[in-house]
PDB file of N, CA and C in Angstrom:
ATOM      1  N   UNK A   1      -3.339  21.756   0.317  1.00  0.00           N
ATOM      2  CA  UNK A   1      -2.230  21.011   0.881  1.00  0.00           C
ATOM      3  C   UNK A   1      -2.772  19.831   1.670  1.00  0.00           C
ATOM      4  N   UNK A   2      -2.233  18.657   1.400  1.00  0.00           N
ATOM      5  CA  UNK A   2      -2.678  17.447   2.074  1.00  0.00           C
ATOM      6  C   UNK A   2      -2.124  17.375   3.493  1.00  0.00           C
ATOM      7  N   UNK A   3      -2.976  16.983   4.414  1.00  0.00           N
ATOM      8  CA  UNK A   3      -2.549  16.813   5.800  1.00  0.00           C
ATOM      9  C   UNK A   3      -2.173  15.366   6.043  1.00  0.00           C
ATOM     10  N   UNK A   4      -1.270  15.173   6.960  1.00  0.00           N
ATOM     11  CA  UNK A   4      -0.873  13.844   7.373  1.00  0.00           C
ATOM     12  C   UNK A   4      -2.047  13.187   8.097  1.00  0.00           C
ATOM     13  N   UNK A   5      -2.372  11.954   7.752  1.00  0.00           N
ATOM     14  CA  UNK A   5      -3.501  11.275   8.374  1.00  0.00           C
ATOM     15  C   UNK A   5      -3.274  11.095   9.873  1.00  0.00           C
ATOM     16  N   UNK A   6      -2.046  10.953  10.305  1.00  0.00           N
ATOM     17  CA  UNK A   6      -1.785  10.833  11.739  1.00  0.00           C
ATOM     18  C   UNK A   6      -2.154  12.121  12.468  1.00  0.00           C
ATOM     19  N   UNK A   7      -1.914  13.253  11.847  1.00  0.00           N
ATOM     20  CA  UNK A   7      -2.317  14.539  12.409  1.00  0.00           C
ATOM     21  C   UNK A   7      -3.840  14.580  12.554  1.00  0.00           C
ATOM     22  N   UNK A   8      -4.542  14.165  11.511  1.00  0.00           N
ATOM     23  CA  UNK A   8      -6.000  14.167  11.550  1.00  0.00           C
ATOM     24  C   UNK A   8      -6.527  13.242  12.645  1.00  0.00           C
ATOM     25  N   UNK A   9      -5.938  12.061  12.751  1.00  0.00           N
ATOM     26  CA  UNK A   9      -6.356  11.112  13.783  1.00  0.00           C
ATOM     27  C   UNK A   9      -6.107  11.669  15.179  1.00  0.00           C
ATOM     28  N   UNK A  10      -4.970  12.305  15.370  1.00  0.00           N
ATOM     29  CA  UNK A  10      -4.645  12.904  16.662  1.00  0.00           C
ATOM     30  C   UNK A  10      -5.645  14.002  17.010  1.00  0.00           C
ATOM     31  N   UNK A  11      -5.908  14.891  16.060  1.00  0.00           N
ATOM     32  CA  UNK A  11      -6.843  15.997  16.313  1.00  0.00           C
ATOM     33  C   UNK A  11      -8.248  15.464  16.584  1.00  0.00           C
ATOM     34  N   UNK A  12      -8.647  14.415  15.873  1.00  0.00           N
ATOM     35  CA  UNK A  12      -9.956  13.808  16.101  1.00  0.00           C
ATOM     36  C   UNK A  12     -10.054  13.287  17.537  1.00  0.00           C
ATOM     37  N   UNK A  13      -9.026  12.569  17.967  1.00  0.00           N
ATOM     38  CA  UNK A  13      -9.030  12.022  19.323  1.00  0.00           C
ATOM     39  C   UNK A  13      -9.040  13.120  20.382  1.00  0.00           C
ATOM     40  N   UNK A  14      -8.282  14.181  20.144  1.00  0.00           N
ATOM     41  CA  UNK A  14      -8.251  15.296  21.101  1.00  0.00           C
ATOM     42  C   UNK A  14      -9.615  15.972  21.178  1.00  0.00           C
ATOM     43  N   UNK A  15     -10.256  16.173  20.047  1.00  0.00           N
ATOM     44  CA  UNK A  15     -11.575  16.798  20.037  1.00  0.00           C
ATOM     45  C   UNK A  15     -12.598  15.914  20.747  1.00  0.00           C
ATOM     46  N   UNK A  16     -12.515  14.607  20.544  1.00  0.00           N
ATOM     47  CA  UNK A  16     -13.435  13.698  21.213  1.00  0.00           C
ATOM     48  C   UNK A  16     -13.222  13.721  22.729  1.00  0.00           C
ATOM     49  N   UNK A  17     -11.973  13.745  23.150  1.00  0.00           N
ATOM     50  CA  UNK A  17     -11.671  13.803  24.587  1.00  0.00           C
ATOM     51  C   UNK A  17     -12.170  15.112  25.187  1.00  0.00           C
ATOM     52  N   UNK A  18     -11.977  16.197  24.481  1.00  0.00           N
ATOM     53  CA  UNK A  18     -12.434  17.496  24.976  1.00  0.00           C
ATOM     54  C   UNK A  18     -13.957  17.572  25.019  1.00  0.00           C
ATOM     55  N   UNK A  19     -14.616  16.963  24.051  1.00  0.00           N
ATOM     56  CA  UNK A  19     -16.077  16.932  24.071  1.00  0.00           C
ATOM     57  C   UNK A  19     -16.573  16.177  25.293  1.00  0.00           C
ATOM     58  N   UNK A  20     -15.941  15.062  25.564  1.00  0.00           N
ATOM     59  CA  UNK A  20     -16.338  14.252  26.711  1.00  0.00           C
ATOM     60  C   UNK A  20     -16.073  14.978  28.028  1.00  0.00           C
ATOM     61  N   UNK A  21     -14.997  15.737  28.098  1.00  0.00           N
ATOM     62  CA  UNK A  21     -14.618  16.420  29.332  1.00  0.00           C
ATOM     63  C   UNK A  21     -15.310  17.773  29.513  1.00  0.00           C
ATOM     64  N   UNK A  22     -15.927  18.269  28.455  1.00  0.00           N
ATOM     65  CA  UNK A  22     -16.532  19.597  28.525  1.00  0.00           C
ATOM     66  C   UNK A  22     -17.675  19.631  29.527  1.00  0.00           C
ATOM     67  N   UNK A  23     -17.749  20.723  30.252  1.00  0.00           N
ATOM     68  CA  UNK A  23     -18.793  20.878  31.267  1.00  0.00           C
ATOM     69  C   UNK A  23     -20.055  21.528  30.718  1.00  0.00           C
ATOM     70  N   UNK A  24     -19.969  22.104  29.549  1.00  0.00           N
ATOM     71  CA  UNK A  24     -21.141  22.782  28.993  1.00  0.00           C
ATOM     72  C   UNK A  24     -21.646  22.057  27.749  1.00  0.00           C
ATOM     73  N   UNK A  25     -22.932  22.193  27.513  1.00  0.00           N
ATOM     74  CA  UNK A  25     -23.527  21.594  26.317  1.00  0.00           C
ATOM     75  C   UNK A  25     -22.942  22.225  25.056  1.00  0.00           C
ATOM     76  N   UNK A  26     -22.666  23.522  25.120  1.00  0.00           N
ATOM     77  CA  UNK A  26     -22.098  24.222  23.961  1.00  0.00           C
ATOM     78  C   UNK A  26     -20.694  23.701  23.656  1.00  0.00           C
ATOM     79  N   UNK A  27     -19.916  23.490  24.705  1.00  0.00           N
ATOM     80  CA  UNK A  27     -18.566  22.958  24.527  1.00  0.00           C
ATOM     81  C   UNK A  27     -18.595  21.557  23.954  1.00  0.00           C
ATOM     82  N   UNK A  28     -19.474  20.725  24.494  1.00  0.00           N
ATOM     83  CA  UNK A  28     -19.601  19.359  23.976  1.00  0.00           C
ATOM     84  C   UNK A  28     -19.975  19.374  22.501  1.00  0.00           C
ATOM     85  N   UNK A  29     -20.929  20.241  22.154  1.00  0.00           N
ATOM     86  CA  UNK A  29     -21.375  20.325  20.762  1.00  0.00           C
ATOM     87  C   UNK A  29     -20.258  20.826  19.847  1.00  0.00           C
ATOM     88  N   UNK A  30     -19.535  21.835  20.310  1.00  0.00           N
ATOM     89  CA  UNK A  30     -18.456  22.394  19.486  1.00  0.00           C
ATOM     90  C   UNK A  30     -17.358  21.366  19.247  1.00  0.00           C
ATOM     91  N   UNK A  31     -16.917  20.705  20.307  1.00  0.00           N
ATOM     92  CA  UNK A  31     -15.848  19.719  20.152  1.00  0.00           C
ATOM     93  C   UNK A  31     -16.327  18.481  19.390  1.00  0.00           C
ATOM     94  N   UNK A  32     -17.580  18.106  19.580  1.00  0.00           N
ATOM     95  CA  UNK A  32     -18.130  16.990  18.806  1.00  0.00           C
ATOM     96  C   UNK A  32     -18.172  17.337  17.325  1.00  0.00           C
ATOM     97  N   UNK A  33     -18.510  18.574  17.022  1.00  0.00           N
ATOM     98  CA  UNK A  33     -18.508  19.025  15.632  1.00  0.00           C
ATOM     99  C   UNK A  33     -17.116  18.992  15.023  1.00  0.00           C
ATOM    100  N   UNK A  34     -16.128  19.412  15.810  1.00  0.00           N
ATOM    101  CA  UNK A  34     -14.741  19.334  15.335  1.00  0.00           C
ATOM    102  C   UNK A  34     -14.327  17.891  15.093  1.00  0.00           C
ATOM    103  N   UNK A  35     -14.669  17.021  16.034  1.00  0.00           N
ATOM    104  CA  UNK A  35     -14.326  15.601  15.881  1.00  0.00           C
ATOM    105  C   UNK A  35     -14.956  15.039  14.618  1.00  0.00           C
ATOM    106  N   UNK A  36     -16.203  15.408  14.344  1.00  0.00           N
ATOM    107  CA  UNK A  36     -16.881  14.925  13.139  1.00  0.00           C
ATOM    108  C   UNK A  36     -16.215  15.464  11.884  1.00  0.00           C
ATOM    109  N   UNK A  37     -15.793  16.709  11.922  1.00  0.00           N
ATOM    110  CA  UNK A  37     -15.110  17.286  10.764  1.00  0.00           C
ATOM    111  C   UNK A  37     -13.796  16.549  10.485  1.00  0.00           C
ATOM    112  N   UNK A  38     -13.061  16.212  11.538  1.00  0.00           N
ATOM    113  CA  UNK A  38     -11.834  15.440  11.353  1.00  0.00           C
ATOM    114  C   UNK A  38     -12.159  14.038  10.843  1.00  0.00           C
ATOM    115  N   UNK A  39     -13.228  13.440  11.349  1.00  0.00           N
ATOM    116  CA  UNK A  39     -13.648  12.123  10.875  1.00  0.00           C
ATOM    117  C   UNK A  39     -13.949  12.169   9.386  1.00  0.00           C
ATOM    118  N   UNK A  40     -14.647  13.203   8.956  1.00  0.00           N
ATOM    119  CA  UNK A  40     -14.964  13.357   7.534  1.00  0.00           C
ATOM    120  C   UNK A  40     -13.694  13.455   6.688  1.00  0.00           C
ATOM    121  N   UNK A  41     -12.699  14.190   7.176  1.00  0.00           N
ATOM    122  CA  UNK A  41     -11.433  14.318   6.444  1.00  0.00           C
ATOM    123  C   UNK A  41     -10.686  12.984   6.395  1.00  0.00           C
ATOM    124  N   UNK A  42     -10.730  12.230   7.485  1.00  0.00           N
ATOM    125  CA  UNK A  42     -10.072  10.918   7.536  1.00  0.00           C
ATOM    126  C   UNK A  42     -10.729   9.962   6.552  1.00  0.00           C
ATOM    127  N   UNK A  43     -12.047   9.954   6.529  1.00  0.00           N
ATOM    128  CA  UNK A  43     -12.786   9.093   5.597  1.00  0.00           C
ATOM    129  C   UNK A  43     -12.447   9.468   4.152  1.00  0.00           C
ATOM    130  N   UNK A  44     -12.413  10.753   3.851  1.00  0.00           N
ATOM    131  CA  UNK A  44     -12.067  11.202   2.496  1.00  0.00           C
ATOM    132  C   UNK A  44     -10.650  10.787   2.125  1.00  0.00           C
ATOM    133  N   UNK A  45      -9.730  10.918   3.065  1.00  0.00           N
ATOM    134  CA  UNK A  45      -8.340  10.515   2.846  1.00  0.00           C
ATOM    135  C   UNK A  45      -8.267   9.019   2.524  1.00  0.00           C
ATOM    136  N   UNK A  46      -8.959   8.216   3.317  1.00  0.00           N
ATOM    137  CA  UNK A  46      -8.936   6.761   3.108  1.00  0.00           C
ATOM    138  C   UNK A  46      -9.581   6.372   1.789  1.00  0.00           C
ATOM    139  N   UNK A  47     -10.674   7.021   1.433  1.00  0.00           N
ATOM    140  CA  UNK A  47     -11.324   6.718   0.150  1.00  0.00           C
ATOM    141  C   UNK A  47     -10.424   7.060  -1.026  1.00  0.00           C
ATOM    142  N   UNK A  48      -9.740   8.180  -0.931  1.00  0.00           N
ATOM    143  CA  UNK A  48      -8.823   8.566  -2.009  1.00  0.00           C
ATOM    144  C   UNK A  48      -7.689   7.565  -2.124  1.00  0.00           C
ATOM    145  N   UNK A  49      -7.147   7.123  -1.005  1.00  0.00           N
ATOM    146  CA  UNK A  49      -6.079   6.121  -1.054  1.00  0.00           C
ATOM    147  C   UNK A  49      -6.572   4.809  -1.636  1.00  0.00           C
ATOM    148  N   UNK A  50      -7.786   4.392  -1.259  1.00  0.00           N
ATOM    149  CA  UNK A  50      -8.350   3.167  -1.833  1.00  0.00           C
ATOM    150  C   UNK A  50      -8.511   3.307  -3.339  1.00  0.00           C
ATOM    151  N   UNK A  51      -8.961   4.476  -3.780  1.00  0.00           N
ATOM    152  CA  UNK A  51      -9.142   4.709  -5.214  1.00  0.00           C
ATOM    153  C   UNK A  51      -7.807   4.649  -5.940  1.00  0.00           C
ATOM    154  N   UNK A  52      -6.787   5.233  -5.354  1.00  0.00           N
ATOM    155  CA  UNK A  52      -5.468   5.227  -5.982  1.00  0.00           C
ATOM    156  C   UNK A  52      -4.876   3.831  -6.035  1.00  0.00           C
ATOM    157  N   UNK A  53      -5.076   3.073  -4.973  1.00  0.00           N
ATOM    158  CA  UNK A  53      -4.559   1.694  -4.933  1.00  0.00           C
ATOM    159  C   UNK A  53      -5.271   0.825  -5.953  1.00  0.00           C
ATOM    160  N   UNK A  54      -6.590   0.960  -6.028  1.00  0.00           N
ATOM    161  CA  UNK A  54      -7.362   0.155  -6.979  1.00  0.00           C
ATOM    162  C   UNK A  54      -6.960   0.501  -8.417  1.00  0.00           C
ATOM    163  N   UNK A  55      -6.713   1.759  -8.668  1.00  0.00           N
ATOM    164  CA  UNK A  55      -6.324   2.198 -10.002  1.00  0.00           C
ATOM    165  C   UNK A  55      -4.930   1.678 -10.373  1.00  0.00           C
ATOM    166  N   UNK A  56      -4.072   1.498  -9.399  1.00  0.00           N
ATOM    167  CA  UNK A  56      -2.706   1.052  -9.646  1.00  0.00           C
ATOM    168  C   UNK A  56      -2.637  -0.439  -9.972  1.00  0.00           C
ATOM    169  N   UNK A  57      -3.694  -1.173  -9.624  1.00  0.00           N
ATOM    170  CA  UNK A  57      -3.663  -2.626  -9.862  1.00  0.00           C
ATOM    171  C   UNK A  57      -4.353  -2.976 -11.089  1.00  0.00           C
TER     172      UNK A  57
END
């Protein structure tokens, strides 16, 4: 099931904020990892849209 890109962007921003606010190295690492995972999904979403747009023209 495809996720809304706005949802992914929101979750990425929340994870980044939590990583920055975390008091422990483990917390920072965990939230940074989540932020990166959301970033990867956003990049994949954008690449797929670019591919679909290019194919349509």
